[in-house]
Amino acid sequence: MASSAGSGGHVGACATQWLLLLLTGSTVVVVGGGSDAFNMGVILPFDGAEPWSLRLSGPAIDFAVDSVTAAARRRGRGRGRAPAAAAGRVTPVSLRRALRVHVNDSRCSDTWGPLSAFDMYVGGRANVFVGPVCEYAVAAVARYSPHWDIPVITPGALVLDFDNRANYRLLTRIAGSYSKLAESLGALLRRFSWRPSVVGLVYQQRGRRSPSSSSSRSTLGNSDCFFVMQAVHSHLEALRRPPSAGNASSGRAAAAAAVADPIWYHSIKQDGVDAATRLREISRHARSKSV
């Protein structure tokens, strides 16, 4: 078992390695015992202001690679020492397979994210994509990936549209989507026998900074707050308009009742000047007296 000092040194070495990668834009290469390589294309924002930036996620990727290679050693697949390499630490994975980690900057952009994926695809540097994370960056990459036969693994892509498996067949999301949040709210309503219309939904549309700014985000699109409320509203509308199990007249009656009992769903302006007005409105439309 490593000492705490050694463990801290390893973490520091990982952080330093990924910081150098960020500054140089180079490729980390982890070499196995053979010429056949498995290429991992990591597409993340280099900008440290983003929650999934390379500065924050890089050490975790490094730890995952270390874990895989350590497991390979324990199983006896990758015996012997591999030669040193200038591009990064060299670790044996197996006698037949090499693992190479390539990194591109998505800039959290709907332009730079797909361009990064194209660059890796054309260069034969991706058997799997890790990222992009930001919704507009990952959308195009996840649509292209079935045609390239390259899966996409991401902690992002949480918005409602990514639930469509026909469009995103090779997309794997490792975090709970906004639809799951909506389902848990629906379960809470059923637990207390509350109608969906007792819920008021309010969100703020925060503007996105241009790619020339410090965050490099796209100038188009909606805020994360909007996407959360979009998934919740869609699920509550589905609960409010259940499919008719009877005849056409009962279906029309259910539809009329749904229209007469709407869900309060509005935004607050970016500057928040209308917040007080919106809060008064929601107090009249989303109270327990409506249960």
C-alpha atoms as a PDB file:
ATOM      1  CA  MET A   1       0.000   0.000   0.000  1.00  0.00           C
ATOM      2  CA  ALA A   2       1.472   3.346  -1.027  1.00  0.00           C
ATOM      3  CA  SER A   3       2.157   5.992   1.565  1.00  0.00           C
ATOM      4  CA  SER A   4       0.148   9.199   1.611  1.00  0.00           C
ATOM      5  CA  ALA A   5       3.171  11.115   0.395  1.00  0.00           C
ATOM      6  CA  GLY A   6       3.574   8.749  -2.550  1.00  0.00           C
ATOM      7  CA  SER A   7      -0.091   8.950  -3.330  1.00  0.00           C
ATOM      8  CA  GLY A   8       0.033  12.743  -3.294  1.00  0.00           C
ATOM      9  CA  GLY A   9       3.054  12.650  -5.556  1.00  0.00           C
ATOM     10  CA  HIS A  10       1.195  10.443  -8.047  1.00  0.00           C
ATOM     11  CA  VAL A  11      -1.774  12.820  -8.100  1.00  0.00           C
ATOM     12  CA  GLY A  12       0.591  15.721  -8.600  1.00  0.00           C
ATOM     13  CA  ALA A  13       2.331  13.894 -11.435  1.00  0.00           C
ATOM     14  CA  CYS A  14      -1.021  13.166 -13.098  1.00  0.00           C
ATOM     15  CA  ALA A  15      -2.095  16.792 -12.818  1.00  0.00           C
ATOM     16  CA  THR A  16       1.240  17.963 -14.184  1.00  0.00           C
ATOM     17  CA  GLN A  17       1.053  15.552 -17.111  1.00  0.00           C
ATOM     18  CA  TRP A  18      -2.402  16.730 -18.127  1.00  0.00           C
ATOM     19  CA  LEU A  19      -1.488  20.379 -17.604  1.00  0.00           C
ATOM     20  CA  LEU A  20       1.423  19.940 -20.006  1.00  0.00           C
ATOM     21  CA  LEU A  21      -0.947  18.222 -22.426  1.00  0.00           C
ATOM     22  CA  LEU A  22      -3.335  21.150 -22.196  1.00  0.00           C
ATOM     23  CA  LEU A  23      -0.572  23.651 -22.869  1.00  0.00           C
ATOM     24  CA  THR A  24       1.047  21.760 -25.737  1.00  0.00           C
ATOM     25  CA  GLY A  25      -1.981  20.122 -27.377  1.00  0.00           C
ATOM     26  CA  SER A  26       0.037  16.913 -27.695  1.00  0.00           C
ATOM     27  CA  THR A  27      -1.121  13.305 -27.503  1.00  0.00           C
ATOM     28  CA  VAL A  28      -0.622  11.042 -24.528  1.00  0.00           C
ATOM     29  CA  VAL A  29       0.499   7.608 -25.718  1.00  0.00           C
ATOM     30  CA  VAL A  30       0.218   4.496 -23.587  1.00  0.00           C
ATOM     31  CA  VAL A  31       1.948   1.636 -25.378  1.00  0.00           C
ATOM     32  CA  GLY A  32       1.360  -2.083 -25.051  1.00  0.00           C
ATOM     33  CA  GLY A  33       3.378  -4.982 -26.361  1.00  0.00           C
ATOM     34  CA  GLY A  34       2.117  -5.042 -29.958  1.00  0.00           C
ATOM     35  CA  SER A  35       1.592  -2.828 -32.944  1.00  0.00           C
ATOM     36  CA  ASP A  36      -2.211  -3.161 -32.922  1.00  0.00           C
ATOM     37  CA  ALA A  37      -3.504  -0.029 -31.148  1.00  0.00           C
ATOM     38  CA  PHE A  38      -6.803   0.866 -29.511  1.00  0.00           C
ATOM     39  CA  ASN A  39      -7.315   4.624 -29.841  1.00  0.00           C
ATOM     40  CA  MET A  40      -9.356   6.615 -27.353  1.00  0.00           C
ATOM     41  CA  GLY A  41     -10.399  10.021 -28.696  1.00  0.00           C
ATOM     42  CA  VAL A  42     -10.974  12.391 -25.778  1.00  0.00           C
ATOM     43  CA  ILE A  43     -12.879  15.545 -26.821  1.00  0.00           C
ATOM     44  CA  LEU A  44     -13.159  17.944 -23.901  1.00  0.00           C
ATOM     45  CA  PRO A  45     -12.921  21.710 -23.433  1.00  0.00           C
ATOM     46  CA  PHE A  46      -9.432  22.798 -22.481  1.00  0.00           C
ATOM     47  CA  ASP A  47     -10.962  25.837 -20.750  1.00  0.00           C
ATOM     48  CA  GLY A  48     -10.716  25.374 -16.997  1.00  0.00           C
ATOM     49  CA  ALA A  49     -13.964  27.310 -16.423  1.00  0.00           C
ATOM     50  CA  GLU A  50     -16.035  24.435 -17.816  1.00  0.00           C
ATOM     51  CA  PRO A  51     -17.150  21.722 -15.339  1.00  0.00           C
ATOM     52  CA  TRP A  52     -15.787  18.910 -17.553  1.00  0.00           C
ATOM     53  CA  SER A  53     -12.609  20.678 -18.615  1.00  0.00           C
ATOM     54  CA  LEU A  54      -9.473  18.717 -19.340  1.00  0.00           C
ATOM     55  CA  ARG A  55      -7.821  20.231 -16.289  1.00  0.00           C
ATOM     56  CA  LEU A  56     -10.461  18.634 -14.049  1.00  0.00           C
ATOM     57  CA  SER A  57     -11.186  15.428 -15.985  1.00  0.00           C
ATOM     58  CA  GLY A  58      -7.670  14.632 -17.186  1.00  0.00           C
ATOM     59  CA  PRO A  59      -6.416  13.107 -13.910  1.00  0.00           C
ATOM     60  CA  ALA A  60      -9.502  10.850 -13.796  1.00  0.00           C
ATOM     61  CA  ILE A  61      -8.774   9.580 -17.314  1.00  0.00           C
ATOM     62  CA  ASP A  62      -5.169   9.018 -16.313  1.00  0.00           C
ATOM     63  CA  PHE A  63      -6.331   7.071 -13.243  1.00  0.00           C
ATOM     64  CA  ALA A  64      -8.650   4.927 -15.395  1.00  0.00           C
ATOM     65  CA  VAL A  65      -5.803   4.063 -17.773  1.00  0.00           C
ATOM     66  CA  ASP A  66      -3.601   3.183 -14.791  1.00  0.00           C
ATOM     67  CA  SER A  67      -6.351   0.928 -13.387  1.00  0.00           C
ATOM     68  CA  VAL A  68      -6.792  -0.930 -16.676  1.00  0.00           C
ATOM     69  CA  THR A  69      -3.084  -1.543 -17.112  1.00  0.00           C
ATOM     70  CA  ALA A  70      -2.695  -2.641 -13.494  1.00  0.00           C
ATOM     71  CA  ALA A  71      -5.518  -5.164 -13.953  1.00  0.00           C
ATOM     72  CA  ALA A  72      -3.820  -6.422 -17.125  1.00  0.00           C
ATOM     73  CA  ARG A  73      -0.608  -6.985 -15.210  1.00  0.00           C
ATOM     74  CA  ARG A  74      -2.426  -8.929 -12.508  1.00  0.00           C
ATOM     75  CA  ARG A  75      -3.943 -11.202 -15.147  1.00  0.00           C
ATOM     76  CA  GLY A  76      -0.546 -11.716 -16.674  1.00  0.00           C
ATOM     77  CA  ARG A  77      -1.416  -9.845 -19.886  1.00  0.00           C
ATOM     78  CA  GLY A  78       1.387  -7.397 -20.312  1.00  0.00           C
ATOM     79  CA  ARG A  79       4.437  -8.770 -18.608  1.00  0.00           C
ATOM     80  CA  GLY A  80       7.766  -7.099 -18.962  1.00  0.00           C
ATOM     81  CA  ARG A  81       8.815  -3.497 -19.114  1.00  0.00           C
ATOM     82  CA  ALA A  82       7.942  -1.253 -22.018  1.00  0.00           C
ATOM     83  CA  PRO A  83      10.493   1.277 -23.296  1.00  0.00           C
ATOM     84  CA  ALA A  84      10.216   4.913 -22.307  1.00  0.00           C
ATOM     85  CA  ALA A  85       8.547   7.371 -24.698  1.00  0.00           C
ATOM     86  CA  ALA A  86       8.797  11.113 -24.945  1.00  0.00           C
ATOM     87  CA  ALA A  87       5.077  11.613 -25.606  1.00  0.00           C
ATOM     88  CA  GLY A  88       4.002  10.393 -22.175  1.00  0.00           C
ATOM     89  CA  ARG A  89       4.317   7.657 -19.619  1.00  0.00           C
ATOM     90  CA  VAL A  90       4.504   4.194 -21.235  1.00  0.00           C
ATOM     91  CA  THR A  91       2.563   1.383 -19.626  1.00  0.00           C
ATOM     92  CA  PRO A  92       2.014  -2.164 -20.929  1.00  0.00           C
ATOM     93  CA  VAL A  93      -1.627  -3.077 -21.487  1.00  0.00           C
ATOM     94  CA  SER A  94      -1.310  -6.465 -23.178  1.00  0.00           C
ATOM     95  CA  LEU A  95       1.082  -8.316 -25.402  1.00  0.00           C
ATOM     96  CA  ARG A  96      -1.156  -7.786 -28.435  1.00  0.00           C
ATOM     97  CA  ARG A  97      -2.806  -4.435 -27.863  1.00  0.00           C
ATOM     98  CA  ALA A  98      -1.722  -0.858 -27.253  1.00  0.00           C
ATOM     99  CA  LEU A  99      -3.850   1.913 -25.771  1.00  0.00           C
ATOM    100  CA  ARG A 100      -3.374   5.417 -27.117  1.00  0.00           C
ATOM    101  CA  VAL A 101      -5.215   8.416 -25.685  1.00  0.00           C
ATOM    102  CA  HIS A 102      -5.606  11.361 -28.081  1.00  0.00           C
ATOM    103  CA  VAL A 103      -7.030  14.690 -26.945  1.00  0.00           C
ATOM    104  CA  ASN A 104      -8.742  17.502 -28.867  1.00  0.00           C
ATOM    105  CA  ASP A 105     -10.304  20.715 -27.585  1.00  0.00           C
ATOM    106  CA  SER A 106     -14.102  20.844 -28.040  1.00  0.00           C
ATOM    107  CA  ARG A 107     -14.262  24.452 -26.795  1.00  0.00           C
ATOM    108  CA  CYS A 108     -17.810  23.531 -25.727  1.00  0.00           C
ATOM    109  CA  SER A 109     -18.758  24.590 -29.256  1.00  0.00           C
ATOM    110  CA  ASP A 110     -21.149  23.177 -31.837  1.00  0.00           C
ATOM    111  CA  THR A 111     -18.427  23.922 -34.404  1.00  0.00           C
ATOM    112  CA  TRP A 112     -15.208  22.850 -32.701  1.00  0.00           C
ATOM    113  CA  GLY A 113     -16.668  19.704 -31.129  1.00  0.00           C
ATOM    114  CA  PRO A 114     -17.635  18.056 -34.457  1.00  0.00           C
ATOM    115  CA  LEU A 115     -14.441  19.328 -36.123  1.00  0.00           C
ATOM    116  CA  SER A 116     -12.396  17.639 -33.404  1.00  0.00           C
ATOM    117  CA  ALA A 117     -14.245  14.363 -34.025  1.00  0.00           C
ATOM    118  CA  PHE A 118     -13.739  14.654 -37.801  1.00  0.00           C
ATOM    119  CA  ASP A 119     -10.033  15.247 -37.255  1.00  0.00           C
ATOM    120  CA  MET A 120      -9.719  12.094 -35.151  1.00  0.00           C
ATOM    121  CA  TYR A 121     -11.878  10.007 -37.512  1.00  0.00           C
ATOM    122  CA  VAL A 122      -9.992  11.008 -40.651  1.00  0.00           C
ATOM    123  CA  GLY A 123      -6.671  10.461 -38.908  1.00  0.00           C
ATOM    124  CA  GLY A 124      -7.697   7.009 -37.633  1.00  0.00           C
ATOM    125  CA  ARG A 125      -7.177   8.153 -34.049  1.00  0.00           C
ATOM    126  CA  ALA A 126     -10.445   7.049 -32.461  1.00  0.00           C
ATOM    127  CA  ASN A 127     -11.969   3.631 -31.817  1.00  0.00           C
ATOM    128  CA  VAL A 128     -14.134   5.261 -29.151  1.00  0.00           C
ATOM    129  CA  PHE A 129     -14.939   8.882 -28.330  1.00  0.00           C
ATOM    130  CA  VAL A 130     -14.917  10.038 -24.716  1.00  0.00           C
ATOM    131  CA  GLY A 131     -16.891  13.270 -24.934  1.00  0.00           C
ATOM    132  CA  PRO A 132     -17.832  15.805 -26.036  1.00  0.00           C
ATOM    133  CA  VAL A 133     -19.860  16.770 -22.984  1.00  0.00           C
ATOM    134  CA  CYS A 134     -21.564  20.068 -23.813  1.00  0.00           C
ATOM    135  CA  GLU A 135     -24.945  19.428 -25.424  1.00  0.00           C
ATOM    136  CA  TYR A 136     -24.387  21.291 -28.688  1.00  0.00           C
ATOM    137  CA  ALA A 137     -20.897  19.864 -29.131  1.00  0.00           C
ATOM    138  CA  VAL A 138     -21.903  16.237 -28.558  1.00  0.00           C
ATOM    139  CA  ALA A 139     -25.124  16.313 -30.617  1.00  0.00           C
ATOM    140  CA  ALA A 140     -23.505  16.230 -34.061  1.00  0.00           C
ATOM    141  CA  VAL A 141     -20.751  13.826 -32.986  1.00  0.00           C
ATOM    142  CA  ALA A 142     -23.302  11.368 -31.594  1.00  0.00           C
ATOM    143  CA  ARG A 143     -25.313  11.540 -34.839  1.00  0.00           C
ATOM    144  CA  TYR A 144     -22.230  10.883 -36.991  1.00  0.00           C
ATOM    145  CA  SER A 145     -20.850   8.085 -34.807  1.00  0.00           C
ATOM    146  CA  PRO A 146     -23.143   5.263 -36.072  1.00  0.00           C
ATOM    147  CA  HIS A 147     -22.005   5.981 -39.642  1.00  0.00           C
ATOM    148  CA  TRP A 148     -18.385   5.792 -38.499  1.00  0.00           C
ATOM    149  CA  ASP A 149     -19.086   2.802 -36.225  1.00  0.00           C
ATOM    150  CA  ILE A 150     -17.406   4.639 -33.346  1.00  0.00           C
ATOM    151  CA  PRO A 151     -19.265   4.687 -29.996  1.00  0.00           C
ATOM    152  CA  VAL A 152     -19.526   7.844 -27.906  1.00  0.00           C
ATOM    153  CA  ILE A 153     -19.238   7.736 -24.100  1.00  0.00           C
ATOM    154  CA  THR A 154     -20.033  10.945 -22.261  1.00  0.00           C
ATOM    155  CA  PRO A 155     -21.152  12.258 -18.874  1.00  0.00           C
ATOM    156  CA  GLY A 156     -23.073  14.910 -20.817  1.00  0.00           C
ATOM    157  CA  ALA A 157     -25.872  14.688 -23.412  1.00  0.00           C
ATOM    158  CA  LEU A 158     -28.442  14.945 -20.618  1.00  0.00           C
ATOM    159  CA  VAL A 159     -31.154  16.816 -22.513  1.00  0.00           C
ATOM    160  CA  LEU A 160     -34.439  15.286 -23.629  1.00  0.00           C
ATOM    161  CA  ASP A 161     -33.558  14.982 -27.325  1.00  0.00           C
ATOM    162  CA  PHE A 162     -30.793  12.479 -26.579  1.00  0.00           C
ATOM    163  CA  ASP A 163     -33.401   9.976 -25.340  1.00  0.00           C
ATOM    164  CA  ASN A 164     -34.094   9.244 -29.034  1.00  0.00           C
ATOM    165  CA  ARG A 165     -32.097   6.062 -29.574  1.00  0.00           C
ATOM    166  CA  ALA A 166     -32.876   6.011 -33.296  1.00  0.00           C
ATOM    167  CA  ASN A 167     -30.796   9.161 -33.786  1.00  0.00           C
ATOM    168  CA  TYR A 168     -28.119   8.387 -31.195  1.00  0.00           C
ATOM    169  CA  ARG A 169     -27.629   4.631 -31.474  1.00  0.00           C
ATOM    170  CA  LEU A 170     -24.030   4.472 -30.259  1.00  0.00           C
ATOM    171  CA  LEU A 171     -24.337   7.064 -27.499  1.00  0.00           C
ATOM    172  CA  THR A 172     -23.740   5.926 -23.917  1.00  0.00           C
ATOM    173  CA  ARG A 173     -24.485   8.416 -21.146  1.00  0.00           C
ATOM    174  CA  ILE A 174     -22.831   7.654 -17.820  1.00  0.00           C
ATOM    175  CA  ALA A 175     -24.777  10.261 -15.819  1.00  0.00           C
ATOM    176  CA  GLY A 176     -28.451  10.507 -15.024  1.00  0.00           C
ATOM    177  CA  SER A 177     -30.328  12.429 -17.714  1.00  0.00           C
ATOM    178  CA  TYR A 178     -32.806  15.230 -17.133  1.00  0.00           C
ATOM    179  CA  SER A 179     -35.548  12.772 -18.093  1.00  0.00           C
ATOM    180  CA  LYS A 180     -34.645  10.674 -15.048  1.00  0.00           C
ATOM    181  CA  LEU A 181     -35.038  13.761 -12.882  1.00  0.00           C
ATOM    182  CA  ALA A 182     -38.479  14.277 -14.426  1.00  0.00           C
ATOM    183  CA  GLU A 183     -39.440  10.658 -13.735  1.00  0.00           C
ATOM    184  CA  SER A 184     -38.489  10.997 -10.073  1.00  0.00           C
ATOM    185  CA  LEU A 185     -40.682  14.098  -9.795  1.00  0.00           C
ATOM    186  CA  GLY A 186     -43.528  12.171 -11.422  1.00  0.00           C
ATOM    187  CA  ALA A 187     -43.091   9.378  -8.864  1.00  0.00           C
ATOM    188  CA  LEU A 188     -43.279  11.962  -6.061  1.00  0.00           C
ATOM    189  CA  LEU A 189     -46.548  13.322  -7.440  1.00  0.00           C
ATOM    190  CA  ARG A 190     -48.044   9.829  -7.647  1.00  0.00           C
ATOM    191  CA  ARG A 191     -46.919   9.068  -4.098  1.00  0.00           C
ATOM    192  CA  PHE A 192     -48.989  11.948  -2.729  1.00  0.00           C
ATOM    193  CA  SER A 193     -51.766  11.714  -5.357  1.00  0.00           C
ATOM    194  CA  TRP A 194     -51.026  15.198  -6.694  1.00  0.00           C
ATOM    195  CA  ARG A 195     -52.041  16.339 -10.141  1.00  0.00           C
ATOM    196  CA  PRO A 196     -49.216  17.463 -12.468  1.00  0.00           C
ATOM    197  CA  SER A 197     -50.810  20.902 -12.703  1.00  0.00           C
ATOM    198  CA  VAL A 198     -49.910  21.668  -9.069  1.00  0.00           C
ATOM    199  CA  VAL A 199     -46.289  22.026 -10.194  1.00  0.00           C
ATOM    200  CA  GLY A 200     -45.037  25.369 -11.431  1.00  0.00           C
ATOM    201  CA  LEU A 201     -41.950  25.416 -13.623  1.00  0.00           C
ATOM    202  CA  VAL A 202     -39.745  28.463 -13.954  1.00  0.00           C
ATOM    203  CA  TYR A 203     -36.360  28.757 -15.633  1.00  0.00           C
ATOM    204  CA  GLN A 204     -33.852  31.404 -16.652  1.00  0.00           C
ATOM    205  CA  GLN A 205     -32.358  31.692 -20.109  1.00  0.00           C
ATOM    206  CA  ARG A 206     -28.728  32.570 -19.524  1.00  0.00           C
ATOM    207  CA  GLY A 207     -26.892  33.865 -22.558  1.00  0.00           C
ATOM    208  CA  ARG A 208     -23.969  31.884 -23.913  1.00  0.00           C
ATOM    209  CA  ARG A 209     -20.660  33.579 -24.496  1.00  0.00           C
ATOM    210  CA  SER A 210     -19.096  33.617 -27.932  1.00  0.00           C
ATOM    211  CA  PRO A 211     -16.212  31.286 -28.882  1.00  0.00           C
ATOM    212  CA  SER A 212     -13.837  34.245 -28.627  1.00  0.00           C
ATOM    213  CA  SER A 213     -14.627  34.714 -24.946  1.00  0.00           C
ATOM    214  CA  SER A 214     -12.982  32.885 -22.066  1.00  0.00           C
ATOM    215  CA  SER A 215     -15.493  30.013 -22.060  1.00  0.00           C
ATOM    216  CA  SER A 216     -15.572  29.481 -25.852  1.00  0.00           C
ATOM    217  CA  ARG A 217     -19.230  28.482 -25.712  1.00  0.00           C
ATOM    218  CA  SER A 218     -21.486  28.585 -28.729  1.00  0.00           C
ATOM    219  CA  THR A 219     -23.474  31.767 -29.218  1.00  0.00           C
ATOM    220  CA  LEU A 220     -26.606  29.766 -30.096  1.00  0.00           C
ATOM    221  CA  GLY A 221     -28.912  27.590 -28.065  1.00  0.00           C
ATOM    222  CA  ASN A 222     -30.665  27.380 -24.722  1.00  0.00           C
ATOM    223  CA  SER A 223     -29.412  27.340 -21.160  1.00  0.00           C
ATOM    224  CA  ASP A 224     -28.975  24.242 -19.004  1.00  0.00           C
ATOM    225  CA  CYS A 225     -31.820  25.531 -16.831  1.00  0.00           C
ATOM    226  CA  PHE A 226     -34.096  25.533 -19.886  1.00  0.00           C
ATOM    227  CA  PHE A 227     -33.156  21.949 -20.774  1.00  0.00           C
ATOM    228  CA  VAL A 228     -33.892  20.699 -17.261  1.00  0.00           C
ATOM    229  CA  MET A 229     -37.330  22.292 -17.256  1.00  0.00           C
ATOM    230  CA  GLN A 230     -37.987  21.084 -20.809  1.00  0.00           C
ATOM    231  CA  ALA A 231     -37.597  17.448 -19.735  1.00  0.00           C
ATOM    232  CA  VAL A 232     -39.692  17.957 -16.612  1.00  0.00           C
ATOM    233  CA  HIS A 233     -42.453  19.749 -18.523  1.00  0.00           C
ATOM    234  CA  SER A 234     -42.561  17.061 -21.223  1.00  0.00           C
ATOM    235  CA  HIS A 235     -42.915  14.305 -18.622  1.00  0.00           C
ATOM    236  CA  LEU A 236     -45.598  16.138 -16.669  1.00  0.00           C
ATOM    237  CA  GLU A 237     -47.543  16.814 -19.855  1.00  0.00           C
ATOM    238  CA  ALA A 238     -47.436  13.083 -20.626  1.00  0.00           C
ATOM    239  CA  LEU A 239     -48.837  12.365 -17.146  1.00  0.00           C
ATOM    240  CA  ARG A 240     -51.488  15.044 -17.593  1.00  0.00           C
ATOM    241  CA  ARG A 241     -52.634  13.634 -20.927  1.00  0.00           C
ATOM    242  CA  PRO A 242     -52.804   9.866 -20.394  1.00  0.00           C
ATOM    243  CA  PRO A 243     -53.765   7.731 -23.395  1.00  0.00           C
ATOM    244  CA  SER A 244     -57.466   7.009 -23.488  1.00  0.00           C
ATOM    245  CA  ALA A 245     -58.404   3.478 -22.535  1.00  0.00           C
ATOM    246  CA  GLY A 246     -62.058   3.923 -23.452  1.00  0.00           C
ATOM    247  CA  ASN A 247     -64.013   5.320 -26.333  1.00  0.00           C
ATOM    248  CA  ALA A 248     -63.468   8.492 -28.346  1.00  0.00           C
ATOM    249  CA  SER A 249     -65.783  10.581 -26.161  1.00  0.00           C
ATOM    250  CA  SER A 250     -63.801   9.798 -22.996  1.00  0.00           C
ATOM    251  CA  GLY A 251     -60.603  10.665 -24.858  1.00  0.00           C
ATOM    252  CA  ARG A 252     -62.044  14.035 -25.849  1.00  0.00           C
ATOM    253  CA  ALA A 253     -63.154  14.647 -22.266  1.00  0.00           C
ATOM    254  CA  ALA A 254     -59.637  13.887 -20.956  1.00  0.00           C
ATOM    255  CA  ALA A 255     -58.103  16.239 -23.520  1.00  0.00           C
ATOM    256  CA  ALA A 256     -60.543  19.019 -22.587  1.00  0.00           C
ATOM    257  CA  ALA A 257     -59.750  18.558 -18.886  1.00  0.00           C
ATOM    258  CA  ALA A 258     -56.037  18.782 -19.623  1.00  0.00           C
ATOM    259  CA  VAL A 259     -56.451  22.025 -21.532  1.00  0.00           C
ATOM    260  CA  ALA A 260     -58.523  23.480 -18.690  1.00  0.00           C
ATOM    261  CA  ASP A 261     -55.863  22.536 -16.106  1.00  0.00           C
ATOM    262  CA  PRO A 262     -52.515  23.617 -17.617  1.00  0.00           C
ATOM    263  CA  ILE A 263     -49.054  23.426 -16.108  1.00  0.00           C
ATOM    264  CA  TRP A 264     -47.573  26.832 -15.292  1.00  0.00           C
ATOM    265  CA  TYR A 265     -44.350  26.931 -17.336  1.00  0.00           C
ATOM    266  CA  HIS A 266     -42.546  30.234 -17.918  1.00  0.00           C
ATOM    267  CA  SER A 267     -39.101  31.800 -18.001  1.00  0.00           C
ATOM    268  CA  ILE A 268     -37.546  34.648 -16.050  1.00  0.00           C
ATOM    269  CA  LYS A 269     -35.652  37.192 -18.099  1.00  0.00           C
ATOM    270  CA  GLN A 270     -31.888  37.034 -18.035  1.00  0.00           C
ATOM    271  CA  ASP A 271     -31.596  40.259 -16.021  1.00  0.00           C
ATOM    272  CA  GLY A 272     -34.217  39.011 -13.555  1.00  0.00           C
ATOM    273  CA  VAL A 273     -36.213  42.268 -13.552  1.00  0.00           C
ATOM    274  CA  ASP A 274     -39.479  40.328 -13.932  1.00  0.00           C
ATOM    275  CA  ALA A 275     -38.667  37.817 -11.166  1.00  0.00           C
ATOM    276  CA  ALA A 276     -41.096  39.302  -8.638  1.00  0.00           C
ATOM    277  CA  THR A 277     -43.940  39.271 -11.179  1.00  0.00           C
ATOM    278  CA  ARG A 278     -43.232  35.657 -12.132  1.00  0.00           C
ATOM    279  CA  LEU A 279     -43.094  34.550  -8.510  1.00  0.00           C
ATOM    280  CA  ARG A 280     -46.479  36.129  -7.829  1.00  0.00           C
ATOM    281  CA  GLU A 281     -47.892  34.335 -10.864  1.00  0.00           C
ATOM    282  CA  ILE A 282     -46.514  30.979  -9.815  1.00  0.00           C
ATOM    283  CA  SER A 283     -47.940  31.427  -6.309  1.00  0.00           C
ATOM    284  CA  ARG A 284     -51.412  31.685  -7.859  1.00  0.00           C
ATOM    285  CA  HIS A 285     -51.037  28.692 -10.153  1.00  0.00           C
ATOM    286  CA  ALA A 286     -48.896  26.174  -8.271  1.00  0.00           C
ATOM    287  CA  ARG A 287     -50.094  25.860  -4.691  1.00  0.00           C
ATOM    288  CA  SER A 288     -51.182  22.919  -2.580  1.00  0.00           C
ATOM    289  CA  LYS A 289     -54.766  24.259  -2.657  1.00  0.00           C
ATOM    290  CA  SER A 290     -54.847  23.130  -6.298  1.00  0.00           C
ATOM    291  CA  VAL A 291     -54.226  19.486  -5.385  1.00  0.00           C
END
